Amino acid sequence: MGVVTCSLTLSAAAYLPLAIWQRPRAIPSGEVLASVAVLGLVCTALAFVLFFELIRHIGAVRATVITYVNPAVAVALGVILLHERFTPGTAIGFGLI
């Protein structure tokens, strides 16, 4: 995980000047800050840990299949749980993936 840690750290450092330059006028609410923290910890950090465990168990070639399935699962959950529309653009996007 050293390469991923390094790339995420460098990305954060690259975005830092822009984040400082475009600071919000008001401090975000605690709910917003908590949401950002959960996104960072669960959706990024935990996801990487789980993905590397998957690679360790089934190998890199088979593990990359999940990267092709993930968008389809996300769209299906959006349609089913959030009642999002399945548009022709979405269908075309599946073809591109």
C-alpha atoms as a PDB file:
ATOM      1  CA  MET A   1       0.000   0.000   0.000  1.00  0.00           C
ATOM      2  CA  GLY A   2       3.002   2.316  -0.022  1.00  0.00           C
ATOM      3  CA  VAL A   3       2.398   3.484  -3.588  1.00  0.00           C
ATOM      4  CA  VAL A   4      -1.263   4.257  -2.934  1.00  0.00           C
ATOM      5  CA  THR A   5      -0.445   6.107   0.277  1.00  0.00           C
ATOM      6  CA  CYS A   6       2.177   8.135  -1.560  1.00  0.00           C
ATOM      7  CA  SER A   7      -0.119   8.958  -4.484  1.00  0.00           C
ATOM      8  CA  LEU A   8      -2.988  10.023  -2.207  1.00  0.00           C
ATOM      9  CA  THR A   9      -0.630  12.168  -0.127  1.00  0.00           C
ATOM     10  CA  LEU A  10       0.812  13.830  -3.235  1.00  0.00           C
ATOM     11  CA  SER A  11      -2.685  14.420  -4.618  1.00  0.00           C
ATOM     12  CA  ALA A  12      -3.767  16.037  -1.362  1.00  0.00           C
ATOM     13  CA  ALA A  13      -0.651  18.231  -1.400  1.00  0.00           C
ATOM     14  CA  ALA A  14      -1.369  19.263  -4.995  1.00  0.00           C
ATOM     15  CA  TYR A  15      -4.957  20.238  -4.142  1.00  0.00           C
ATOM     16  CA  LEU A  16      -4.046  22.066  -0.924  1.00  0.00           C
ATOM     17  CA  PRO A  17      -3.123  25.425  -2.548  1.00  0.00           C
ATOM     18  CA  LEU A  18      -6.410  25.439  -4.464  1.00  0.00           C
ATOM     19  CA  ALA A  19      -8.335  24.544  -1.317  1.00  0.00           C
ATOM     20  CA  ILE A  20      -6.677  27.386   0.590  1.00  0.00           C
ATOM     21  CA  TRP A  21      -7.291  29.825  -2.277  1.00  0.00           C
ATOM     22  CA  GLN A  22     -10.972  28.890  -2.549  1.00  0.00           C
ATOM     23  CA  ARG A  23     -11.824  28.653   1.130  1.00  0.00           C
ATOM     24  CA  PRO A  24     -15.533  28.752   1.932  1.00  0.00           C
ATOM     25  CA  ARG A  25     -16.830  32.041   3.298  1.00  0.00           C
ATOM     26  CA  ALA A  26     -18.390  30.276   6.276  1.00  0.00           C
ATOM     27  CA  ILE A  27     -17.276  27.250   8.247  1.00  0.00           C
ATOM     28  CA  PRO A  28     -19.225  24.184   7.100  1.00  0.00           C
ATOM     29  CA  SER A  29     -21.622  22.641   9.597  1.00  0.00           C
ATOM     30  CA  GLY A  30     -20.613  19.693  11.728  1.00  0.00           C
ATOM     31  CA  GLU A  31     -22.846  17.472   9.614  1.00  0.00           C
ATOM     32  CA  VAL A  32     -20.977  18.476   6.454  1.00  0.00           C
ATOM     33  CA  LEU A  33     -17.581  17.949   8.077  1.00  0.00           C
ATOM     34  CA  ALA A  34     -18.685  14.554   9.387  1.00  0.00           C
ATOM     35  CA  SER A  35     -19.881  13.593   5.899  1.00  0.00           C
ATOM     36  CA  VAL A  36     -16.519  14.540   4.398  1.00  0.00           C
ATOM     37  CA  ALA A  37     -14.715  12.548   7.099  1.00  0.00           C
ATOM     38  CA  VAL A  38     -16.875   9.474   6.439  1.00  0.00           C
ATOM     39  CA  LEU A  39     -16.295   9.795   2.697  1.00  0.00           C
ATOM     40  CA  GLY A  40     -12.555   9.963   3.261  1.00  0.00           C
ATOM     41  CA  LEU A  41     -12.336   7.159   5.787  1.00  0.00           C
ATOM     42  CA  VAL A  42     -14.936   4.717   4.499  1.00  0.00           C
ATOM     43  CA  CYS A  43     -15.172   5.405   0.789  1.00  0.00           C
ATOM     44  CA  THR A  44     -11.440   5.888   0.254  1.00  0.00           C
ATOM     45  CA  ALA A  45      -9.329   4.387   3.034  1.00  0.00           C
ATOM     46  CA  LEU A  46     -11.488   1.371   3.859  1.00  0.00           C
ATOM     47  CA  ALA A  47     -12.213   0.753   0.184  1.00  0.00           C
ATOM     48  CA  PHE A  48      -8.489   0.597  -0.598  1.00  0.00           C
ATOM     49  CA  VAL A  49      -7.820  -1.752   2.320  1.00  0.00           C
ATOM     50  CA  LEU A  50     -10.626  -4.075   1.207  1.00  0.00           C
ATOM     51  CA  PHE A  51      -9.467  -3.943  -2.418  1.00  0.00           C
ATOM     52  CA  PHE A  52      -5.925  -4.895  -1.452  1.00  0.00           C
ATOM     53  CA  GLU A  53      -7.255  -7.754   0.666  1.00  0.00           C
ATOM     54  CA  LEU A  54      -9.240  -8.891  -2.366  1.00  0.00           C
ATOM     55  CA  ILE A  55      -6.062  -8.763  -4.474  1.00  0.00           C
ATOM     56  CA  ARG A  56      -4.216 -10.780  -1.830  1.00  0.00           C
ATOM     57  CA  HIS A  57      -6.894 -13.489  -1.832  1.00  0.00           C
ATOM     58  CA  ILE A  58      -7.793 -13.827  -5.518  1.00  0.00           C
ATOM     59  CA  GLY A  59      -4.980 -12.073  -7.382  1.00  0.00           C
ATOM     60  CA  ALA A  60      -4.735  -8.778  -9.215  1.00  0.00           C
ATOM     61  CA  VAL A  61      -6.114  -9.942 -12.555  1.00  0.00           C
ATOM     62  CA  ARG A  62      -9.343 -11.320 -11.119  1.00  0.00           C
ATOM     63  CA  ALA A  63      -9.684  -8.463  -8.620  1.00  0.00           C
ATOM     64  CA  THR A  64      -9.758  -5.838 -11.366  1.00  0.00           C
ATOM     65  CA  VAL A  65     -13.046  -7.301 -12.588  1.00  0.00           C
ATOM     66  CA  ILE A  66     -14.676  -5.494  -9.653  1.00  0.00           C
ATOM     67  CA  THR A  67     -13.696  -2.165 -11.230  1.00  0.00           C
ATOM     68  CA  TYR A  68     -15.880  -3.030 -14.223  1.00  0.00           C
ATOM     69  CA  VAL A  69     -18.815  -4.232 -12.115  1.00  0.00           C
ATOM     70  CA  ASN A  70     -18.753  -1.340  -9.643  1.00  0.00           C
ATOM     71  CA  PRO A  71     -20.415   1.294 -11.897  1.00  0.00           C
ATOM     72  CA  ALA A  72     -23.231  -1.106 -12.791  1.00  0.00           C
ATOM     73  CA  VAL A  73     -23.889  -1.833  -9.122  1.00  0.00           C
ATOM     74  CA  ALA A  74     -23.826   1.890  -8.312  1.00  0.00           C
ATOM     75  CA  VAL A  75     -26.347   2.680 -11.059  1.00  0.00           C
ATOM     76  CA  ALA A  76     -28.587  -0.235 -10.090  1.00  0.00           C
ATOM     77  CA  LEU A  77     -28.590   0.856  -6.438  1.00  0.00           C
ATOM     78  CA  GLY A  78     -29.311   4.444  -7.484  1.00  0.00           C
ATOM     79  CA  VAL A  79     -32.282   3.344  -9.578  1.00  0.00           C
ATOM     80  CA  ILE A  80     -33.644   0.941  -6.949  1.00  0.00           C
ATOM     81  CA  LEU A  81     -32.973   2.827  -3.714  1.00  0.00           C
ATOM     82  CA  LEU A  82     -32.912   6.478  -4.771  1.00  0.00           C
ATOM     83  CA  HIS A  83     -35.403   6.234  -7.645  1.00  0.00           C
ATOM     84  CA  GLU A  84     -32.911   7.753 -10.101  1.00  0.00           C
ATOM     85  CA  ARG A  85     -33.736   7.565 -13.793  1.00  0.00           C
ATOM     86  CA  PHE A  86     -31.961   5.096 -16.061  1.00  0.00           C
ATOM     87  CA  THR A  87     -31.331   7.251 -19.135  1.00  0.00           C
ATOM     88  CA  PRO A  88     -30.060   6.408 -22.612  1.00  0.00           C
ATOM     89  CA  GLY A  89     -26.820   8.153 -21.631  1.00  0.00           C
ATOM     90  CA  THR A  90     -26.418   5.725 -18.762  1.00  0.00           C
ATOM     91  CA  ALA A  91     -26.949   2.795 -21.106  1.00  0.00           C
ATOM     92  CA  ILE A  92     -24.346   4.209 -23.503  1.00  0.00           C
ATOM     93  CA  GLY A  93     -21.974   4.638 -20.565  1.00  0.00           C
ATOM     94  CA  PHE A  94     -22.300   0.940 -19.774  1.00  0.00           C
ATOM     95  CA  GLY A  95     -21.274   0.171 -23.330  1.00  0.00           C
ATOM     96  CA  LEU A  96     -18.215   2.374 -23.001  1.00  0.00           C
ATOM     97  CA  ILE A  97     -17.128   0.630 -19.822  1.00  0.00           C
END
